[in-house]
Amino acid sequence: PISFSIIAVNLDQKQPGFPEHVLPEYLTQLGVDFEV
């Protein structure tokens, strides 16, 4: 019954082999505002 906004934030800690594309693709598909 209230209004609030959401922004998803992922911290890329530069771990070896971290798949950088996964979260941006998933969040874009959802239509969620995000920042890496």
Full PDB file with SEQRES, HELIX, SHEET, SSBOND, CRYST1, ORIGX, SCALE, CONECT and MASTER records, all heavy atoms in Angstrom:
SEQRES   1 A   36  PRO ILE SER PHE SER ILE ILE ALA VAL ASN LEU ASP GLN          
SEQRES   2 A   36  LYS GLN PRO GLY PHE PRO GLU HIS VAL LEU PRO GLU TYR          
SEQRES   3 A   36  LEU THR GLN LEU GLY VAL ASP PHE GLU VAL                      
HELIX    1 AA1 VAL A   22  LEU A   30  1                                   9    
SHEET    1 AA1 2 ALA A   8  VAL A   9  0                                        
SHEET    2 AA1 2 PHE A  34  GLU A  35  1                                        
CRYST1    1.000    1.000    1.000  90.00  90.00  90.00 P 1           1          
ORIGX1      1.000000  0.000000  0.000000        0.00000                         
ORIGX2      0.000000  1.000000  0.000000        0.00000                         
ORIGX3      0.000000  0.000000  1.000000        0.00000                         
SCALE1      1.000000  0.000000  0.000000        0.00000                         
SCALE2      0.000000  1.000000  0.000000        0.00000                         
SCALE3      0.000000  0.000000  1.000000        0.00000                         
ATOM      1  N   PRO A   1       0.806  -1.227   0.000  1.00  0.00           N  
ATOM      2  CA  PRO A   1       0.000   0.000   0.000  1.00  0.00           C  
ATOM      3  C   PRO A   1       0.838   1.276   0.000  1.00  0.00           C  
ATOM      4  O   PRO A   1       0.310   2.370   0.181  1.00  0.00           O  
ATOM      5  CB  PRO A   1      -0.799  -0.129   1.305  1.00  0.00           C  
ATOM      6  CG  PRO A   1       0.078  -0.931   2.200  1.00  0.00           C  
ATOM      7  CD  PRO A   1       0.785  -1.912   1.304  1.00  0.00           C  
ATOM      8  N   ILE A   2       2.130   1.133  -0.177  1.00  0.00           N  
ATOM      9  CA  ILE A   2       3.033   2.280  -0.239  1.00  0.00           C  
ATOM     10  C   ILE A   2       3.796   2.249  -1.558  1.00  0.00           C  
ATOM     11  O   ILE A   2       3.813   1.237  -2.259  1.00  0.00           O  
ATOM     12  CB  ILE A   2       4.041   2.274   0.938  1.00  0.00           C  
ATOM     13  CG1 ILE A   2       4.876   0.980   0.916  1.00  0.00           C  
ATOM     14  CG2 ILE A   2       3.328   2.450   2.269  1.00  0.00           C  
ATOM     15  CD1 ILE A   2       6.006   0.971   1.937  1.00  0.00           C  
ATOM     16  N   SER A   3       4.428   3.365  -1.877  1.00  0.00           N  
ATOM     17  CA  SER A   3       5.208   3.456  -3.113  1.00  0.00           C  
ATOM     18  C   SER A   3       6.689   3.565  -2.775  1.00  0.00           C  
ATOM     19  O   SER A   3       7.086   4.398  -1.952  1.00  0.00           O  
ATOM     20  CB  SER A   3       4.761   4.685  -3.916  1.00  0.00           C  
ATOM     21  OG  SER A   3       5.570   4.859  -5.061  1.00  0.00           O  
ATOM     22  N   PHE A   4       7.490   2.709  -3.369  1.00  0.00           N  
ATOM     23  CA  PHE A   4       8.939   2.790  -3.178  1.00  0.00           C  
ATOM     24  C   PHE A   4       9.629   2.330  -4.454  1.00  0.00           C  
ATOM     25  O   PHE A   4       9.072   1.567  -5.245  1.00  0.00           O  
ATOM     26  CB  PHE A   4       9.391   1.956  -1.980  1.00  0.00           C  
ATOM     27  CG  PHE A   4       9.153   0.474  -2.102  1.00  0.00           C  
ATOM     28  CD1 PHE A   4      10.151  -0.371  -2.599  1.00  0.00           C  
ATOM     29  CD2 PHE A   4       7.944  -0.099  -1.715  1.00  0.00           C  
ATOM     30  CE1 PHE A   4       9.954  -1.741  -2.702  1.00  0.00           C  
ATOM     31  CE2 PHE A   4       7.728  -1.463  -1.814  1.00  0.00           C  
ATOM     32  CZ  PHE A   4       8.730  -2.292  -2.307  1.00  0.00           C  
ATOM     33  N   SER A   5      10.836   2.812  -4.667  1.00  0.00           N  
ATOM     34  CA  SER A   5      11.593   2.453  -5.859  1.00  0.00           C  
ATOM     35  C   SER A   5      12.700   1.468  -5.507  1.00  0.00           C  
ATOM     36  O   SER A   5      13.101   1.351  -4.346  1.00  0.00           O  
ATOM     37  CB  SER A   5      12.197   3.697  -6.526  1.00  0.00           C  
ATOM     38  OG  SER A   5      13.087   4.356  -5.636  1.00  0.00           O  
ATOM     39  N   ILE A   6      13.176   0.764  -6.525  1.00  0.00           N  
ATOM     40  CA  ILE A   6      14.209  -0.249  -6.340  1.00  0.00           C  
ATOM     41  C   ILE A   6      15.332  -0.019  -7.339  1.00  0.00           C  
ATOM     42  O   ILE A   6      15.086   0.237  -8.521  1.00  0.00           O  
ATOM     43  CB  ILE A   6      13.635  -1.667  -6.550  1.00  0.00           C  
ATOM     44  CG1 ILE A   6      12.699  -2.054  -5.402  1.00  0.00           C  
ATOM     45  CG2 ILE A   6      14.753  -2.705  -6.690  1.00  0.00           C  
ATOM     46  CD1 ILE A   6      11.996  -3.385  -5.606  1.00  0.00           C  
ATOM     47  N   ILE A   7      16.552  -0.104  -6.853  1.00  0.00           N  
ATOM     48  CA  ILE A   7      17.708  -0.151  -7.748  1.00  0.00           C  
ATOM     49  C   ILE A   7      18.603  -1.291  -7.267  1.00  0.00           C  
ATOM     50  O   ILE A   7      18.946  -1.372  -6.082  1.00  0.00           O  
ATOM     51  CB  ILE A   7      18.491   1.176  -7.792  1.00  0.00           C  
ATOM     52  CG1 ILE A   7      19.684   1.041  -8.757  1.00  0.00           C  
ATOM     53  CG2 ILE A   7      18.941   1.633  -6.412  1.00  0.00           C  
ATOM     54  CD1 ILE A   7      20.344   2.339  -9.122  1.00  0.00           C  
ATOM     55  N   ALA A   8      18.914  -2.207  -8.179  1.00  0.00           N  
ATOM     56  CA  ALA A   8      19.777  -3.339  -7.834  1.00  0.00           C  
ATOM     57  C   ALA A   8      21.230  -2.939  -8.038  1.00  0.00           C  
ATOM     58  O   ALA A   8      21.566  -2.289  -9.035  1.00  0.00           O  
ATOM     59  CB  ALA A   8      19.431  -4.542  -8.703  1.00  0.00           C  
ATOM     60  N   VAL A   9      22.061  -3.322  -7.096  1.00  0.00           N  
ATOM     61  CA  VAL A   9      23.490  -2.997  -7.178  1.00  0.00           C  
ATOM     62  C   VAL A   9      24.310  -4.262  -6.983  1.00  0.00           C  
ATOM     63  O   VAL A   9      24.097  -5.010  -6.033  1.00  0.00           O  
ATOM     64  CB  VAL A   9      23.886  -1.953  -6.121  1.00  0.00           C  
ATOM     65  CG1 VAL A   9      25.414  -1.813  -6.054  1.00  0.00           C  
ATOM     66  CG2 VAL A   9      23.261  -0.604  -6.434  1.00  0.00           C  
ATOM     67  N   ASN A  10      25.213  -4.491  -7.907  1.00  0.00           N  
ATOM     68  CA  ASN A  10      26.151  -5.602  -7.784  1.00  0.00           C  
ATOM     69  C   ASN A  10      27.561  -5.057  -7.665  1.00  0.00           C  
ATOM     70  O   ASN A  10      27.940  -4.122  -8.392  1.00  0.00           O  
ATOM     71  CB  ASN A  10      26.059  -6.535  -8.986  1.00  0.00           C  
ATOM     72  CG  ASN A  10      27.197  -7.561  -9.015  1.00  0.00           C  
ATOM     73  OD1 ASN A  10      28.112  -7.484  -9.826  1.00  0.00           O  
ATOM     74  ND2 ASN A  10      27.159  -8.520  -8.095  1.00  0.00           N  
ATOM     75  N   LEU A  11      28.315  -5.634  -6.743  1.00  0.00           N  
ATOM     76  CA  LEU A  11      29.714  -5.247  -6.585  1.00  0.00           C  
ATOM     77  C   LEU A  11      30.589  -6.280  -7.267  1.00  0.00           C  
ATOM     78  O   LEU A  11      30.683  -7.426  -6.816  1.00  0.00           O  
ATOM     79  CB  LEU A  11      30.066  -5.140  -5.097  1.00  0.00           C  
ATOM     80  CG  LEU A  11      31.544  -4.879  -4.763  1.00  0.00           C  
ATOM     81  CD1 LEU A  11      32.029  -3.598  -5.435  1.00  0.00           C  
ATOM     82  CD2 LEU A  11      31.746  -4.817  -3.251  1.00  0.00           C  
ATOM     83  N   ASP A  12      31.208  -5.884  -8.358  1.00  0.00           N  
ATOM     84  CA  ASP A  12      32.152  -6.740  -9.067  1.00  0.00           C  
ATOM     85  C   ASP A  12      33.506  -6.584  -8.388  1.00  0.00           C  
ATOM     86  O   ASP A  12      34.188  -5.573  -8.553  1.00  0.00           O  
ATOM     87  CB  ASP A  12      32.225  -6.334 -10.542  1.00  0.00           C  
ATOM     88  CG  ASP A  12      33.195  -7.191 -11.354  1.00  0.00           C  
ATOM     89  OD1 ASP A  12      33.868  -8.058 -10.753  1.00  0.00           O  
ATOM     90  OD2 ASP A  12      33.286  -6.984 -12.575  1.00  0.00           O  
ATOM     91  N   GLN A  13      33.890  -7.603  -7.608  1.00  0.00           N  
ATOM     92  CA  GLN A  13      35.113  -7.528  -6.815  1.00  0.00           C  
ATOM     93  C   GLN A  13      36.348  -8.044  -7.567  1.00  0.00           C  
ATOM     94  O   GLN A  13      37.388  -8.244  -6.978  1.00  0.00           O  
ATOM     95  CB  GLN A  13      34.922  -8.308  -5.519  1.00  0.00           C  
ATOM     96  CG  GLN A  13      33.811  -7.744  -4.650  1.00  0.00           C  
ATOM     97  CD  GLN A  13      33.559  -8.588  -3.409  1.00  0.00           C  
ATOM     98  OE1 GLN A  13      32.706  -9.470  -3.413  1.00  0.00           O  
ATOM     99  NE2 GLN A  13      34.298  -8.315  -2.356  1.00  0.00           N  
ATOM    100  N   LYS A  14      36.154  -8.278  -8.840  1.00  0.00           N  
ATOM    101  CA  LYS A  14      37.254  -8.706  -9.723  1.00  0.00           C  
ATOM    102  C   LYS A  14      37.833 -10.059  -9.325  1.00  0.00           C  
ATOM    103  O   LYS A  14      39.057 -10.290  -9.411  1.00  0.00           O  
ATOM    104  CB  LYS A  14      38.362  -7.638  -9.766  1.00  0.00           C  
ATOM    105  CG  LYS A  14      37.893  -6.317 -10.356  1.00  0.00           C  
ATOM    106  CD  LYS A  14      37.290  -6.501 -11.737  1.00  0.00           C  
ATOM    107  CE  LYS A  14      36.709  -5.224 -12.306  1.00  0.00           C  
ATOM    108  NZ  LYS A  14      36.049  -5.435 -13.622  1.00  0.00           N  
ATOM    109  N   GLN A  15      36.963 -10.938  -8.901  1.00  0.00           N  
ATOM    110  CA  GLN A  15      37.390 -12.299  -8.632  1.00  0.00           C  
ATOM    111  C   GLN A  15      37.675 -13.001  -9.958  1.00  0.00           C  
ATOM    112  O   GLN A  15      36.942 -12.813 -10.936  1.00  0.00           O  
ATOM    113  CB  GLN A  15      36.305 -13.049  -7.865  1.00  0.00           C  
ATOM    114  CG  GLN A  15      35.990 -12.463  -6.506  1.00  0.00           C  
ATOM    115  CD  GLN A  15      34.832 -13.185  -5.832  1.00  0.00           C  
ATOM    116  OE1 GLN A  15      34.464 -14.277  -6.212  1.00  0.00           O  
ATOM    117  NE2 GLN A  15      34.259 -12.563  -4.825  1.00  0.00           N  
ATOM    118  N   PRO A  16      38.711 -13.807 -10.019  1.00  0.00           N  
ATOM    119  CA  PRO A  16      39.040 -14.519 -11.256  1.00  0.00           C  
ATOM    120  C   PRO A  16      37.870 -15.368 -11.743  1.00  0.00           C  
ATOM    121  O   PRO A  16      37.251 -16.104 -10.970  1.00  0.00           O  
ATOM    122  CB  PRO A  16      40.225 -15.402 -10.848  1.00  0.00           C  
ATOM    123  CG  PRO A  16      40.834 -14.705  -9.681  1.00  0.00           C  
ATOM    124  CD  PRO A  16      39.688 -14.078  -8.936  1.00  0.00           C  
ATOM    125  N   GLY A  17      37.525 -15.240 -12.993  1.00  0.00           N  
ATOM    126  CA  GLY A  17      36.459 -16.051 -13.569  1.00  0.00           C  
ATOM    127  C   GLY A  17      35.062 -15.537 -13.314  1.00  0.00           C  
ATOM    128  O   GLY A  17      34.082 -16.195 -13.666  1.00  0.00           O  
ATOM    129  N   PHE A  18      34.943 -14.348 -12.703  1.00  0.00           N  
ATOM    130  CA  PHE A  18      33.610 -13.810 -12.432  1.00  0.00           C  
ATOM    131  C   PHE A  18      32.894 -13.505 -13.743  1.00  0.00           C  
ATOM    132  O   PHE A  18      33.395 -12.748 -14.574  1.00  0.00           O  
ATOM    133  CB  PHE A  18      33.721 -12.536 -11.594  1.00  0.00           C  
ATOM    134  CG  PHE A  18      32.381 -11.929 -11.227  1.00  0.00           C  
ATOM    135  CD1 PHE A  18      31.627 -12.467 -10.207  1.00  0.00           C  
ATOM    136  CD2 PHE A  18      31.890 -10.827 -11.917  1.00  0.00           C  
ATOM    137  CE1 PHE A  18      30.399 -11.922  -9.867  1.00  0.00           C  
ATOM    138  CE2 PHE A  18      30.670 -10.276 -11.585  1.00  0.00           C  
ATOM    139  CZ  PHE A  18      29.919 -10.822 -10.558  1.00  0.00           C  
ATOM    140  N   PRO A  19      31.710 -14.089 -13.954  1.00  0.00           N  
ATOM    141  CA  PRO A  19      30.979 -13.887 -15.214  1.00  0.00           C  
ATOM    142  C   PRO A  19      30.278 -12.530 -15.229  1.00  0.00           C  
ATOM    143  O   PRO A  19      29.129 -12.395 -14.800  1.00  0.00           O  
ATOM    144  CB  PRO A  19      29.980 -15.043 -15.220  1.00  0.00           C  
ATOM    145  CG  PRO A  19      29.726 -15.338 -13.776  1.00  0.00           C  
ATOM    146  CD  PRO A  19      31.016 -15.037 -13.050  1.00  0.00           C  
ATOM    147  N   GLU A  20      30.935 -11.523 -15.737  1.00  0.00           N  
ATOM    148  CA  GLU A  20      30.443 -10.151 -15.667  1.00  0.00           C  
ATOM    149  C   GLU A  20      29.123  -9.927 -16.409  1.00  0.00           C  
ATOM    150  O   GLU A  20      28.384  -8.992 -16.102  1.00  0.00           O  
ATOM    151  CB  GLU A  20      31.506  -9.189 -16.216  1.00  0.00           C  
ATOM    152  CG  GLU A  20      32.816  -9.213 -15.437  1.00  0.00           C  
ATOM    153  CD  GLU A  20      33.849  -8.281 -16.036  1.00  0.00           C  
ATOM    154  OE1 GLU A  20      33.518  -7.615 -17.056  1.00  0.00           O  
ATOM    155  OE2 GLU A  20      34.971  -8.204 -15.510  1.00  0.00           O  
ATOM    156  N   HIS A  21      28.817 -10.786 -17.360  1.00  0.00           N  
ATOM    157  CA  HIS A  21      27.635 -10.560 -18.198  1.00  0.00           C  
ATOM    158  C   HIS A  21      26.330 -11.041 -17.565  1.00  0.00           C  
ATOM    159  O   HIS A  21      25.251 -10.583 -17.949  1.00  0.00           O  
ATOM    160  CB  HIS A  21      27.811 -11.290 -19.530  1.00  0.00           C  
ATOM    161  CG  HIS A  21      27.860 -12.792 -19.384  1.00  0.00           C  
ATOM    162  ND1 HIS A  21      28.974 -13.443 -18.882  1.00  0.00           N  
ATOM    163  CD2 HIS A  21      26.933 -13.758 -19.637  1.00  0.00           C  
ATOM    164  CE1 HIS A  21      28.737 -14.748 -18.841  1.00  0.00           C  
ATOM    165  NE2 HIS A  21      27.500 -14.963 -19.289  1.00  0.00           N  
ATOM    166  N   VAL A  22      26.424 -11.961 -16.590  1.00  0.00           N  
ATOM    167  CA  VAL A  22      25.230 -12.642 -16.091  1.00  0.00           C  
ATOM    168  C   VAL A  22      24.212 -11.688 -15.472  1.00  0.00           C  
ATOM    169  O   VAL A  22      23.031 -11.668 -15.853  1.00  0.00           O  
ATOM    170  CB  VAL A  22      25.613 -13.737 -15.065  1.00  0.00           C  
ATOM    171  CG1 VAL A  22      24.369 -14.310 -14.385  1.00  0.00           C  
ATOM    172  CG2 VAL A  22      26.380 -14.850 -15.766  1.00  0.00           C  
ATOM    173  N   LEU A  23      24.624 -10.915 -14.495  1.00  0.00           N  
ATOM    174  CA  LEU A  23      23.678 -10.045 -13.795  1.00  0.00           C  
ATOM    175  C   LEU A  23      23.127  -8.928 -14.676  1.00  0.00           C  
ATOM    176  O   LEU A  23      21.911  -8.677 -14.653  1.00  0.00           O  
ATOM    177  CB  LEU A  23      24.322  -9.481 -12.534  1.00  0.00           C  
ATOM    178  CG  LEU A  23      24.442 -10.482 -11.387  1.00  0.00           C  
ATOM    179  CD1 LEU A  23      25.281  -9.921 -10.251  1.00  0.00           C  
ATOM    180  CD2 LEU A  23      23.067 -10.865 -10.868  1.00  0.00           C  
ATOM    181  N   PRO A  24      23.964  -8.221 -15.454  1.00  0.00           N  
ATOM    182  CA  PRO A  24      23.399  -7.199 -16.345  1.00  0.00           C  
ATOM    183  C   PRO A  24      22.349  -7.757 -17.306  1.00  0.00           C  
ATOM    184  O   PRO A  24      21.311  -7.129 -17.527  1.00  0.00           O  
ATOM    185  CB  PRO A  24      24.630  -6.677 -17.100  1.00  0.00           C  
ATOM    186  CG  PRO A  24      25.750  -6.883 -16.141  1.00  0.00           C  
ATOM    187  CD  PRO A  24      25.441  -8.182 -15.465  1.00  0.00           C  
ATOM    188  N   GLU A  25      22.607  -8.941 -17.858  1.00  0.00           N  
ATOM    189  CA  GLU A  25      21.636  -9.545 -18.770  1.00  0.00           C  
ATOM    190  C   GLU A  25      20.344  -9.901 -18.051  1.00  0.00           C  
ATOM    191  O   GLU A  25      19.239  -9.660 -18.561  1.00  0.00           O  
ATOM    192  CB  GLU A  25      22.242 -10.793 -19.430  1.00  0.00           C  
ATOM    193  CG  GLU A  25      23.342 -10.487 -20.429  1.00  0.00           C  
ATOM    194  CD  GLU A  25      23.931 -11.752 -21.047  1.00  0.00           C  
ATOM    195  OE1 GLU A  25      23.468 -12.864 -20.676  1.00  0.00           O  
ATOM    196  OE2 GLU A  25      24.854 -11.632 -21.875  1.00  0.00           O  
ATOM    197  N   TYR A  26      20.476 -10.462 -16.849  1.00  0.00           N  
ATOM    198  CA  TYR A  26      19.293 -10.866 -16.076  1.00  0.00           C  
ATOM    199  C   TYR A  26      18.461  -9.647 -15.684  1.00  0.00           C  
ATOM    200  O   TYR A  26      17.231  -9.635 -15.837  1.00  0.00           O  
ATOM    201  CB  TYR A  26      19.748 -11.624 -14.834  1.00  0.00           C  
ATOM    202  CG  TYR A  26      18.621 -12.008 -13.903  1.00  0.00           C  
ATOM    203  CD1 TYR A  26      17.769 -13.062 -14.194  1.00  0.00           C  
ATOM    204  CD2 TYR A  26      18.406 -11.291 -12.712  1.00  0.00           C  
ATOM    205  CE1 TYR A  26      16.731 -13.413 -13.329  1.00  0.00           C  
ATOM    206  CE2 TYR A  26      17.374 -11.635 -11.855  1.00  0.00           C  
ATOM    207  CZ  TYR A  26      16.542 -12.693 -12.173  1.00  0.00           C  
ATOM    208  OH  TYR A  26      15.512 -13.024 -11.323  1.00  0.00           O  
ATOM    209  N   LEU A  27      19.116  -8.600 -15.187  1.00  0.00           N  
ATOM    210  CA  LEU A  27      18.408  -7.416 -14.719  1.00  0.00           C  
ATOM    211  C   LEU A  27      17.805  -6.616 -15.867  1.00  0.00           C  
ATOM    212  O   LEU A  27      16.723  -6.037 -15.736  1.00  0.00           O  
ATOM    213  CB  LEU A  27      19.352  -6.547 -13.889  1.00  0.00           C  
ATOM    214  CG  LEU A  27      19.817  -7.182 -12.571  1.00  0.00           C  
ATOM    215  CD1 LEU A  27      20.955  -6.387 -11.950  1.00  0.00           C  
ATOM    216  CD2 LEU A  27      18.656  -7.299 -11.589  1.00  0.00           C  
ATOM    217  N   THR A  28      18.489  -6.603 -16.994  1.00  0.00           N  
ATOM    218  CA  THR A  28      17.946  -5.937 -18.178  1.00  0.00           C  
ATOM    219  C   THR A  28      16.676  -6.636 -18.648  1.00  0.00           C  
ATOM    220  O   THR A  28      15.677  -5.988 -18.994  1.00  0.00           O  
ATOM    221  CB  THR A  28      18.980  -5.916 -19.312  1.00  0.00           C  
ATOM    222  OG1 THR A  28      20.153  -5.184 -18.876  1.00  0.00           O  
ATOM    223  CG2 THR A  28      18.413  -5.255 -20.562  1.00  0.00           C  
ATOM    224  N   GLN A  29      16.716  -7.953 -18.614  1.00  0.00           N  
ATOM    225  CA  GLN A  29      15.548  -8.738 -19.002  1.00  0.00           C  
ATOM    226  C   GLN A  29      14.365  -8.475 -18.067  1.00  0.00           C  
ATOM    227  O   GLN A  29      13.209  -8.423 -18.507  1.00  0.00           O  
ATOM    228  CB  GLN A  29      15.897 -10.226 -18.999  1.00  0.00           C  
ATOM    229  CG  GLN A  29      14.775 -11.139 -19.478  1.00  0.00           C  
ATOM    230  CD  GLN A  29      15.195 -12.601 -19.471  1.00  0.00           C  
ATOM    231  OE1 GLN A  29      16.311 -12.943 -19.081  1.00  0.00           O  
ATOM    232  NE2 GLN A  29      14.300 -13.472 -19.903  1.00  0.00           N  
ATOM    233  N   LEU A  30      14.657  -8.293 -16.781  1.00  0.00           N  
ATOM    234  CA  LEU A  30      13.607  -8.004 -15.807  1.00  0.00           C  
ATOM    235  C   LEU A  30      13.080  -6.576 -15.923  1.00  0.00           C  
ATOM    236  O   LEU A  30      11.972  -6.280 -15.480  1.00  0.00           O  
ATOM    237  CB  LEU A  30      14.127  -8.203 -14.377  1.00  0.00           C  
ATOM    238  CG  LEU A  30      14.179  -9.615 -13.805  1.00  0.00           C  
ATOM    239  CD1 LEU A  30      14.670  -9.553 -12.357  1.00  0.00           C  
ATOM    240  CD2 LEU A  30      12.835 -10.304 -13.867  1.00  0.00           C  
ATOM    241  N   GLY A  31      13.886  -5.702 -16.494  1.00  0.00           N  
ATOM    242  CA  GLY A  31      13.511  -4.297 -16.556  1.00  0.00           C  
ATOM    243  C   GLY A  31      13.756  -3.557 -15.259  1.00  0.00           C  
ATOM    244  O   GLY A  31      13.088  -2.567 -14.956  1.00  0.00           O  
ATOM    245  N   VAL A  32      14.730  -4.030 -14.495  1.00  0.00           N  
ATOM    246  CA  VAL A  32      15.050  -3.424 -13.199  1.00  0.00           C  
ATOM    247  C   VAL A  32      16.214  -2.450 -13.348  1.00  0.00           C  
ATOM    248  O   VAL A  32      17.211  -2.758 -14.012  1.00  0.00           O  
ATOM    249  CB  VAL A  32      15.429  -4.520 -12.170  1.00  0.00           C  
ATOM    250  CG1 VAL A  32      15.875  -3.899 -10.855  1.00  0.00           C  
ATOM    251  CG2 VAL A  32      14.247  -5.451 -11.944  1.00  0.00           C  
ATOM    252  N   ASP A  33      16.089  -1.281 -12.731  1.00  0.00           N  
ATOM    253  CA  ASP A  33      17.213  -0.347 -12.697  1.00  0.00           C  
ATOM    254  C   ASP A  33      18.362  -0.985 -11.932  1.00  0.00           C  
ATOM    255  O   ASP A  33      18.148  -1.589 -10.879  1.00  0.00           O  
ATOM    256  CB  ASP A  33      16.817   0.954 -12.000  1.00  0.00           C  
ATOM    257  CG  ASP A  33      15.845   1.784 -12.830  1.00  0.00           C  
ATOM    258  OD1 ASP A  33      15.806   1.582 -14.051  1.00  0.00           O  
ATOM    259  OD2 ASP A  33      15.126   2.620 -12.240  1.00  0.00           O  
ATOM    260  N   PHE A  34      19.571  -0.852 -12.452  1.00  0.00           N  
ATOM    261  CA  PHE A  34      20.706  -1.473 -11.768  1.00  0.00           C  
ATOM    262  C   PHE A  34      21.993  -0.729 -12.049  1.00  0.00           C  
ATOM    263  O   PHE A  34      22.086   0.083 -12.976  1.00  0.00           O  
ATOM    264  CB  PHE A  34      20.856  -2.942 -12.192  1.00  0.00           C  
ATOM    265  CG  PHE A  34      21.370  -3.147 -13.590  1.00  0.00           C  
ATOM    266  CD1 PHE A  34      22.737  -3.288 -13.843  1.00  0.00           C  
ATOM    267  CD2 PHE A  34      20.495  -3.193 -14.668  1.00  0.00           C  
ATOM    268  CE1 PHE A  34      23.211  -3.487 -15.127  1.00  0.00           C  
ATOM    269  CE2 PHE A  34      20.954  -3.390 -15.957  1.00  0.00           C  
ATOM    270  CZ  PHE A  34      22.318  -3.539 -16.187  1.00  0.00           C  
ATOM    271  N   GLU A  35      22.974  -1.020 -11.216  1.00  0.00           N  
ATOM    272  CA  GLU A  35      24.315  -0.483 -11.415  1.00  0.00           C  
ATOM    273  C   GLU A  35      25.315  -1.537 -10.969  1.00  0.00           C  
ATOM    274  O   GLU A  35      25.123  -2.184  -9.931  1.00  0.00           O  
ATOM    275  CB  GLU A  35      24.522   0.805 -10.624  1.00  0.00           C  
ATOM    276  CG  GLU A  35      25.929   1.381 -10.783  1.00  0.00           C  
ATOM    277  CD  GLU A  35      26.086   2.761 -10.174  1.00  0.00           C  
ATOM    278  OE1 GLU A  35      25.125   3.557 -10.251  1.00  0.00           O  
ATOM    279  OE2 GLU A  35      27.173   3.050  -9.615  1.00  0.00           O  
ATOM    280  N   VAL A  36      26.365  -1.715 -11.739  1.00  0.00           N  
ATOM    281  CA  VAL A  36      27.457  -2.607 -11.370  1.00  0.00           C  
ATOM    282  C   VAL A  36      28.637  -1.739 -10.929  1.00  0.00           C  
ATOM    283  O   VAL A  36      29.118  -0.906 -11.690  1.00  0.00           O  
ATOM    284  CB  VAL A  36      27.871  -3.525 -12.535  1.00  0.00           C  
ATOM    285  CG1 VAL A  36      29.097  -4.366 -12.135  1.00  0.00           C  
ATOM    286  CG2 VAL A  36      26.718  -4.426 -12.944  1.00  0.00           C  
TER     287      VAL A  36                                                      
MASTER        0    0    0    1    2    0    0    6  286    1    0    3          
END                                                                             
